[in-house]
Amino acid sequence: MNLLITILVGALIGWLAGIFMKSAHGFWLSCILGIVGSAIGGWLASALGIHIGSGLISSLIVGVAGTCLLIVIVRAVMGKKF
């Protein structure tokens, strides 16, 4: 059950980041980007000493920010086609 929730939340975060970054990708890539981007965002917030708490909204904000950062990095490596 936790895996299903992780995939769905990752998809939501990937979809939201795709809207902000004007990036269109499929469901599974959105899931992967959302999950990995959330981990990056959480790690970066922790490294910068930002306490995000355990709330849903703050976790979504950090996850979307991390996923947007991941999309920027992937675009820099792969080019504008991503």
PDB file of N, CA and C in Angstrom:
ATOM      1  N   MET A   1       0.825  -1.200   0.000  1.00  0.00           N
ATOM      2  CA  MET A   1       0.000   0.000   0.000  1.00  0.00           C
ATOM      3  C   MET A   1       0.862   1.254   0.000  1.00  0.00           C
ATOM      4  N   ASN A   2       1.961   1.241   0.775  1.00  0.00           N
ATOM      5  CA  ASN A   2       2.844   2.403   0.798  1.00  0.00           C
ATOM      6  C   ASN A   2       3.481   2.658  -0.555  1.00  0.00           C
ATOM      7  N   LEU A   3       3.799   1.602  -1.293  1.00  0.00           N
ATOM      8  CA  LEU A   3       4.379   1.761  -2.617  1.00  0.00           C
ATOM      9  C   LEU A   3       3.389   2.448  -3.555  1.00  0.00           C
ATOM     10  N   LEU A   4       2.140   2.058  -3.484  1.00  0.00           N
ATOM     11  CA  LEU A   4       1.111   2.679  -4.313  1.00  0.00           C
ATOM     12  C   LEU A   4       0.962   4.165  -3.985  1.00  0.00           C
ATOM     13  N   ILE A   5       0.968   4.500  -2.713  1.00  0.00           N
ATOM     14  CA  ILE A   5       0.852   5.905  -2.300  1.00  0.00           C
ATOM     15  C   ILE A   5       2.075   6.685  -2.774  1.00  0.00           C
ATOM     16  N   THR A   6       3.268   6.086  -2.657  1.00  0.00           N
ATOM     17  CA  THR A   6       4.488   6.741  -3.116  1.00  0.00           C
ATOM     18  C   THR A   6       4.425   7.022  -4.611  1.00  0.00           C
ATOM     19  N   ILE A   7       3.953   6.059  -5.394  1.00  0.00           N
ATOM     20  CA  ILE A   7       3.849   6.244  -6.838  1.00  0.00           C
ATOM     21  C   ILE A   7       2.834   7.340  -7.171  1.00  0.00           C
ATOM     22  N   LEU A   8       1.692   7.324  -6.503  1.00  0.00           N
ATOM     23  CA  LEU A   8       0.665   8.331  -6.787  1.00  0.00           C
ATOM     24  C   LEU A   8       1.109   9.735  -6.385  1.00  0.00           C
ATOM     25  N   VAL A   9       1.740   9.862  -5.235  1.00  0.00           N
ATOM     26  CA  VAL A   9       2.232  11.179  -4.811  1.00  0.00           C
ATOM     27  C   VAL A   9       3.370  11.631  -5.731  1.00  0.00           C
ATOM     28  N   GLY A  10       4.229  10.703  -6.117  1.00  0.00           N
ATOM     29  CA  GLY A  10       5.298  11.028  -7.064  1.00  0.00           C
ATOM     30  C   GLY A  10       4.743  11.497  -8.401  1.00  0.00           C
ATOM     31  N   ALA A  11       3.678  10.851  -8.862  1.00  0.00           N
ATOM     32  CA  ALA A  11       3.039  11.261 -10.108  1.00  0.00           C
ATOM     33  C   ALA A  11       2.439  12.658  -9.975  1.00  0.00           C
ATOM     34  N   LEU A  12       1.800  12.926  -8.855  1.00  0.00           N
ATOM     35  CA  LEU A  12       1.224  14.255  -8.616  1.00  0.00           C
ATOM     36  C   LEU A  12       2.312  15.322  -8.606  1.00  0.00           C
ATOM     37  N   ILE A  13       3.392  15.061  -7.900  1.00  0.00           N
ATOM     38  CA  ILE A  13       4.493  16.023  -7.834  1.00  0.00           C
ATOM     39  C   ILE A  13       5.136  16.193  -9.203  1.00  0.00           C
ATOM     40  N   GLY A  14       5.354  15.099  -9.923  1.00  0.00           N
ATOM     41  CA  GLY A  14       5.924  15.187 -11.272  1.00  0.00           C
ATOM     42  C   GLY A  14       5.021  15.949 -12.226  1.00  0.00           C
ATOM     43  N   TRP A  15       3.714  15.744 -12.094  1.00  0.00           N
ATOM     44  CA  TRP A  15       2.752  16.447 -12.942  1.00  0.00           C
ATOM     45  C   TRP A  15       2.763  17.946 -12.636  1.00  0.00           C
ATOM     46  N   LEU A  16       2.762  18.310 -11.353  1.00  0.00           N
ATOM     47  CA  LEU A  16       2.796  19.721 -10.971  1.00  0.00           C
ATOM     48  C   LEU A  16       4.089  20.392 -11.435  1.00  0.00           C
ATOM     49  N   ALA A  17       5.209  19.709 -11.266  1.00  0.00           N
ATOM     50  CA  ALA A  17       6.483  20.267 -11.721  1.00  0.00           C
ATOM     51  C   ALA A  17       6.492  20.408 -13.243  1.00  0.00           C
ATOM     52  N   GLY A  18       5.896  19.445 -13.943  1.00  0.00           N
ATOM     53  CA  GLY A  18       5.801  19.535 -15.402  1.00  0.00           C
ATOM     54  C   GLY A  18       4.996  20.744 -15.846  1.00  0.00           C
ATOM     55  N   ILE A  19       3.954  21.093 -15.095  1.00  0.00           N
ATOM     56  CA  ILE A  19       3.169  22.280 -15.410  1.00  0.00           C
ATOM     57  C   ILE A  19       4.010  23.536 -15.213  1.00  0.00           C
ATOM     58  N   PHE A  20       4.704  23.609 -14.072  1.00  0.00           N
ATOM     59  CA  PHE A  20       5.521  24.795 -13.786  1.00  0.00           C
ATOM     60  C   PHE A  20       6.670  24.951 -14.776  1.00  0.00           C
ATOM     61  N   MET A  21       7.250  23.837 -15.189  1.00  0.00           N
ATOM     62  CA  MET A  21       8.416  23.876 -16.077  1.00  0.00           C
ATOM     63  C   MET A  21       8.036  23.754 -17.560  1.00  0.00           C
ATOM     64  N   LYS A  22       6.744  23.676 -17.848  1.00  0.00           N
ATOM     65  CA  LYS A  22       6.251  23.510 -19.222  1.00  0.00           C
ATOM     66  C   LYS A  22       6.934  22.316 -19.896  1.00  0.00           C
ATOM     67  N   SER A  23       6.880  21.200 -19.190  1.00  0.00           N
ATOM     68  CA  SER A  23       7.493  19.968 -19.651  1.00  0.00           C
ATOM     69  C   SER A  23       6.424  18.891 -19.702  1.00  0.00           C
ATOM     70  N   ALA A  24       6.299  18.227 -20.817  1.00  0.00           N
ATOM     71  CA  ALA A  24       5.278  17.182 -20.964  1.00  0.00           C
ATOM     72  C   ALA A  24       5.968  15.825 -21.045  1.00  0.00           C
ATOM     73  N   HIS A  25       5.601  14.940 -20.155  1.00  0.00           N
ATOM     74  CA  HIS A  25       6.114  13.575 -20.188  1.00  0.00           C
ATOM     75  C   HIS A  25       5.027  12.641 -19.688  1.00  0.00           C
ATOM     76  N   GLY A  26       5.228  11.369 -19.891  1.00  0.00           N
ATOM     77  CA  GLY A  26       4.217  10.385 -19.553  1.00  0.00           C
ATOM     78  C   GLY A  26       4.084  10.133 -18.063  1.00  0.00           C
ATOM     79  N   PHE A  27       3.121   9.276 -17.735  1.00  0.00           N
ATOM     80  CA  PHE A  27       2.804   8.972 -16.346  1.00  0.00           C
ATOM     81  C   PHE A  27       4.004   8.396 -15.596  1.00  0.00           C
ATOM     82  N   TRP A  28       4.669   7.389 -16.172  1.00  0.00           N
ATOM     83  CA  TRP A  28       5.754   6.723 -15.460  1.00  0.00           C
ATOM     84  C   TRP A  28       6.960   7.638 -15.300  1.00  0.00           C
ATOM     85  N   LEU A  29       7.273   8.432 -16.295  1.00  0.00           N
ATOM     86  CA  LEU A  29       8.384   9.380 -16.157  1.00  0.00           C
ATOM     87  C   LEU A  29       8.046  10.453 -15.131  1.00  0.00           C
ATOM     88  N   SER A  30       6.783  10.866 -15.078  1.00  0.00           N
ATOM     89  CA  SER A  30       6.349  11.805 -14.042  1.00  0.00           C
ATOM     90  C   SER A  30       6.535  11.206 -12.656  1.00  0.00           C
ATOM     91  N   CYS A  31       6.191   9.928 -12.517  1.00  0.00           N
ATOM     92  CA  CYS A  31       6.379   9.239 -11.227  1.00  0.00           C
ATOM     93  C   CYS A  31       7.845   9.224 -10.823  1.00  0.00           C
ATOM     94  N   ILE A  32       8.688   8.829 -11.752  1.00  0.00           N
ATOM     95  CA  ILE A  32      10.122   8.739 -11.453  1.00  0.00           C
ATOM     96  C   ILE A  32      10.685  10.107 -11.119  1.00  0.00           C
ATOM     97  N   LEU A  33      10.367  11.109 -11.947  1.00  0.00           N
ATOM     98  CA  LEU A  33      10.849  12.460 -11.675  1.00  0.00           C
ATOM     99  C   LEU A  33      10.332  12.980 -10.344  1.00  0.00           C
ATOM    100  N   GLY A  34       9.071  12.729 -10.045  1.00  0.00           N
ATOM    101  CA  GLY A  34       8.483  13.191  -8.790  1.00  0.00           C
ATOM    102  C   GLY A  34       9.112  12.553  -7.571  1.00  0.00           C
ATOM    103  N   ILE A  35       9.354  11.256  -7.637  1.00  0.00           N
ATOM    104  CA  ILE A  35       9.951  10.544  -6.508  1.00  0.00           C
ATOM    105  C   ILE A  35      11.402  10.968  -6.307  1.00  0.00           C
ATOM    106  N   VAL A  36      12.179  10.969  -7.384  1.00  0.00           N
ATOM    107  CA  VAL A  36      13.590  11.359  -7.282  1.00  0.00           C
ATOM    108  C   VAL A  36      13.708  12.840  -6.927  1.00  0.00           C
ATOM    109  N   GLY A  37      12.889  13.672  -7.548  1.00  0.00           N
ATOM    110  CA  GLY A  37      12.912  15.106  -7.251  1.00  0.00           C
ATOM    111  C   GLY A  37      12.523  15.410  -5.819  1.00  0.00           C
ATOM    112  N   SER A  38      11.587  14.665  -5.275  1.00  0.00           N
ATOM    113  CA  SER A  38      11.196  14.840  -3.872  1.00  0.00           C
ATOM    114  C   SER A  38      12.348  14.492  -2.943  1.00  0.00           C
ATOM    115  N   ALA A  39      13.057  13.422  -3.273  1.00  0.00           N
ATOM    116  CA  ALA A  39      14.213  13.046  -2.467  1.00  0.00           C
ATOM    117  C   ALA A  39      15.295  14.121  -2.533  1.00  0.00           C
ATOM    118  N   ILE A  40      15.520  14.667  -3.719  1.00  0.00           N
ATOM    119  CA  ILE A  40      16.501  15.745  -3.880  1.00  0.00           C
ATOM    120  C   ILE A  40      16.068  16.980  -3.103  1.00  0.00           C
ATOM    121  N   GLY A  41      14.804  17.345  -3.220  1.00  0.00           N
ATOM    122  CA  GLY A  41      14.288  18.508  -2.502  1.00  0.00           C
ATOM    123  C   GLY A  41      14.388  18.347  -0.999  1.00  0.00           C
ATOM    124  N   GLY A  42      14.045  17.176  -0.488  1.00  0.00           N
ATOM    125  CA  GLY A  42      14.150  16.906   0.943  1.00  0.00           C
ATOM    126  C   GLY A  42      15.579  16.950   1.423  1.00  0.00           C
ATOM    127  N   TRP A  43      16.484  16.356   0.648  1.00  0.00           N
ATOM    128  CA  TRP A  43      17.889  16.371   1.008  1.00  0.00           C
ATOM    129  C   TRP A  43      18.446  17.793   0.998  1.00  0.00           C
ATOM    130  N   LEU A  44      18.109  18.554  -0.042  1.00  0.00           N
ATOM    131  CA  LEU A  44      18.604  19.925  -0.158  1.00  0.00           C
ATOM    132  C   LEU A  44      18.061  20.805   0.963  1.00  0.00           C
ATOM    133  N   ALA A  45      16.788  20.653   1.285  1.00  0.00           N
ATOM    134  CA  ALA A  45      16.199  21.432   2.386  1.00  0.00           C
ATOM    135  C   ALA A  45      16.897  21.086   3.697  1.00  0.00           C
ATOM    136  N   SER A  46      17.162  19.817   3.915  1.00  0.00           N
ATOM    137  CA  SER A  46      17.857  19.395   5.135  1.00  0.00           C
ATOM    138  C   SER A  46      19.287  19.935   5.165  1.00  0.00           C
ATOM    139  N   ALA A  47      19.974  19.884   4.018  1.00  0.00           N
ATOM    140  CA  ALA A  47      21.349  20.373   3.953  1.00  0.00           C
ATOM    141  C   ALA A  47      21.425  21.880   4.194  1.00  0.00           C
ATOM    142  N   LEU A  48      20.382  22.601   3.792  1.00  0.00           N
ATOM    143  CA  LEU A  48      20.351  24.051   3.994  1.00  0.00           C
ATOM    144  C   LEU A  48      19.787  24.431   5.363  1.00  0.00           C
ATOM    145  N   GLY A  49      19.390  23.433   6.143  1.00  0.00           N
ATOM    146  CA  GLY A  49      18.868  23.684   7.478  1.00  0.00           C
ATOM    147  C   GLY A  49      17.423  24.155   7.496  1.00  0.00           C
ATOM    148  N   ILE A  50      16.696  23.870   6.436  1.00  0.00           N
ATOM    149  CA  ILE A  50      15.285  24.260   6.351  1.00  0.00           C
ATOM    150  C   ILE A  50      14.453  23.112   6.897  1.00  0.00           C
ATOM    151  N   HIS A  51      13.678  23.391   7.935  1.00  0.00           N
ATOM    152  CA  HIS A  51      12.814  22.365   8.528  1.00  0.00           C
ATOM    153  C   HIS A  51      11.462  22.413   7.823  1.00  0.00           C
ATOM    154  N   ILE A  52      11.118  21.335   7.126  1.00  0.00           N
ATOM    155  CA  ILE A  52       9.877  21.335   6.343  1.00  0.00           C
ATOM    156  C   ILE A  52       8.684  20.809   7.116  1.00  0.00           C
ATOM    157  N   GLY A  53       8.901  20.192   8.229  1.00  0.00           N
ATOM    158  CA  GLY A  53       7.788  19.664   9.002  1.00  0.00           C
ATOM    159  C   GLY A  53       7.220  18.412   8.384  1.00  0.00           C
ATOM    160  N   SER A  54       6.070  18.018   8.855  1.00  0.00           N
ATOM    161  CA  SER A  54       5.459  16.780   8.356  1.00  0.00           C
ATOM    162  C   SER A  54       4.139  17.045   7.643  1.00  0.00           C
ATOM    163  N   GLY A  55       3.862  18.282   7.325  1.00  0.00           N
ATOM    164  CA  GLY A  55       2.610  18.621   6.662  1.00  0.00           C
ATOM    165  C   GLY A  55       2.617  18.266   5.192  1.00  0.00           C
ATOM    166  N   LEU A  56       1.449  18.000   4.671  1.00  0.00           N
ATOM    167  CA  LEU A  56       1.310  17.616   3.270  1.00  0.00           C
ATOM    168  C   LEU A  56       1.690  18.754   2.334  1.00  0.00           C
ATOM    169  N   ILE A  57       1.224  19.956   2.633  1.00  0.00           N
ATOM    170  CA  ILE A  57       1.484  21.099   1.742  1.00  0.00           C
ATOM    171  C   ILE A  57       2.975  21.410   1.677  1.00  0.00           C
ATOM    172  N   SER A  58       3.649  21.441   2.831  1.00  0.00           N
ATOM    173  CA  SER A  58       5.083  21.740   2.829  1.00  0.00           C
ATOM    174  C   SER A  58       5.865  20.639   2.115  1.00  0.00           C
ATOM    175  N   SER A  59       5.460  19.401   2.275  1.00  0.00           N
ATOM    176  CA  SER A  59       6.128  18.299   1.580  1.00  0.00           C
ATOM    177  C   SER A  59       5.918  18.401   0.070  1.00  0.00           C
ATOM    178  N   LEU A  60       4.710  18.768  -0.350  1.00  0.00           N
ATOM    179  CA  LEU A  60       4.453  18.951  -1.782  1.00  0.00           C
ATOM    180  C   LEU A  60       5.280  20.084  -2.360  1.00  0.00           C
ATOM    181  N   ILE A  61       5.395  21.189  -1.617  1.00  0.00           N
ATOM    182  CA  ILE A  61       6.173  22.334  -2.098  1.00  0.00           C
ATOM    183  C   ILE A  61       7.639  21.946  -2.264  1.00  0.00           C
ATOM    184  N   VAL A  62       8.202  21.280  -1.266  1.00  0.00           N
ATOM    185  CA  VAL A  62       9.601  20.859  -1.348  1.00  0.00           C
ATOM    186  C   VAL A  62       9.783  19.832  -2.459  1.00  0.00           C
ATOM    187  N   GLY A  63       8.838  18.922  -2.610  1.00  0.00           N
ATOM    188  CA  GLY A  63       8.916  17.919  -3.672  1.00  0.00           C
ATOM    189  C   GLY A  63       8.850  18.529  -5.053  1.00  0.00           C
ATOM    190  N   VAL A  64       7.945  19.474  -5.250  1.00  0.00           N
ATOM    191  CA  VAL A  64       7.829  20.139  -6.555  1.00  0.00           C
ATOM    192  C   VAL A  64       9.086  20.959  -6.839  1.00  0.00           C
ATOM    193  N   ALA A  65       9.611  21.647  -5.829  1.00  0.00           N
ATOM    194  CA  ALA A  65      10.835  22.438  -6.021  1.00  0.00           C
ATOM    195  C   ALA A  65      12.008  21.529  -6.392  1.00  0.00           C
ATOM    196  N   GLY A  66      12.132  20.400  -5.719  1.00  0.00           N
ATOM    197  CA  GLY A  66      13.193  19.452  -6.042  1.00  0.00           C
ATOM    198  C   GLY A  66      13.031  18.859  -7.429  1.00  0.00           C
ATOM    199  N   THR A  67      11.803  18.581  -7.824  1.00  0.00           N
ATOM    200  CA  THR A  67      11.551  18.028  -9.154  1.00  0.00           C
ATOM    201  C   THR A  67      11.821  19.066 -10.235  1.00  0.00           C
ATOM    202  N   CYS A  68      11.472  20.320  -9.989  1.00  0.00           N
ATOM    203  CA  CYS A  68      11.794  21.392 -10.943  1.00  0.00           C
ATOM    204  C   CYS A  68      13.303  21.514 -11.101  1.00  0.00           C
ATOM    205  N   LEU A  69      14.039  21.427  -9.999  1.00  0.00           N
ATOM    206  CA  LEU A  69      15.494  21.462 -10.060  1.00  0.00           C
ATOM    207  C   LEU A  69      16.021  20.282 -10.862  1.00  0.00           C
ATOM    208  N   LEU A  70      15.443  19.115 -10.659  1.00  0.00           N
ATOM    209  CA  LEU A  70      15.848  17.928 -11.413  1.00  0.00           C
ATOM    210  C   LEU A  70      15.582  18.114 -12.905  1.00  0.00           C
ATOM    211  N   ILE A  71      14.449  18.692 -13.264  1.00  0.00           N
ATOM    212  CA  ILE A  71      14.137  18.938 -14.679  1.00  0.00           C
ATOM    213  C   ILE A  71      15.142  19.917 -15.284  1.00  0.00           C
ATOM    214  N   VAL A  72      15.523  20.947 -14.534  1.00  0.00           N
ATOM    215  CA  VAL A  72      16.529  21.903 -15.014  1.00  0.00           C
ATOM    216  C   VAL A  72      17.856  21.191 -15.270  1.00  0.00           C
ATOM    217  N   ILE A  73      18.250  20.313 -14.351  1.00  0.00           N
ATOM    218  CA  ILE A  73      19.508  19.578 -14.519  1.00  0.00           C
ATOM    219  C   ILE A  73      19.442  18.647 -15.723  1.00  0.00           C
ATOM    220  N   VAL A  74      18.328  17.932 -15.877  1.00  0.00           N
ATOM    221  CA  VAL A  74      18.187  17.020 -17.011  1.00  0.00           C
ATOM    222  C   VAL A  74      18.184  17.792 -18.323  1.00  0.00           C
ATOM    223  N   ARG A  75      17.526  18.959 -18.345  1.00  0.00           N
ATOM    224  CA  ARG A  75      17.530  19.782 -19.572  1.00  0.00           C
ATOM    225  C   ARG A  75      18.920  20.282 -19.894  1.00  0.00           C
ATOM    226  N   ALA A  76      19.710  20.608 -18.883  1.00  0.00           N
ATOM    227  CA  ALA A  76      21.075  21.075 -19.120  1.00  0.00           C
ATOM    228  C   ALA A  76      21.939  19.963 -19.704  1.00  0.00           C
ATOM    229  N   VAL A  77      21.699  18.741 -19.292  1.00  0.00           N
ATOM    230  CA  VAL A  77      22.482  17.606 -19.778  1.00  0.00           C
ATOM    231  C   VAL A  77      21.979  17.123 -21.139  1.00  0.00           C
ATOM    232  N   MET A  78      20.662  16.992 -21.291  1.00  0.00           N
ATOM    233  CA  MET A  78      20.080  16.401 -22.503  1.00  0.00           C
ATOM    234  C   MET A  78      19.726  17.433 -23.564  1.00  0.00           C
ATOM    235  N   GLY A  79      19.678  18.667 -23.222  1.00  0.00           N
ATOM    236  CA  GLY A  79      19.258  19.685 -24.166  1.00  0.00           C
ATOM    237  C   GLY A  79      17.812  20.073 -23.926  1.00  0.00           C
ATOM    238  N   LYS A  80      17.318  20.984 -24.711  1.00  0.00           N
ATOM    239  CA  LYS A  80      15.992  21.556 -24.505  1.00  0.00           C
ATOM    240  C   LYS A  80      14.865  20.589 -24.835  1.00  0.00           C
ATOM    241  N   LYS A  81      15.144  19.452 -25.448  1.00  0.00           N
ATOM    242  CA  LYS A  81      14.088  18.536 -25.879  1.00  0.00           C
ATOM    243  C   LYS A  81      13.365  17.849 -24.731  1.00  0.00           C
ATOM    244  N   PHE A  82      13.865  17.942 -23.503  1.00  0.00           N
ATOM    245  CA  PHE A  82      13.239  17.269 -22.380  1.00  0.00           C
ATOM    246  C   PHE A  82      12.206  18.163 -21.746  1.00  0.00           C
TER     247      PHE A  82
END
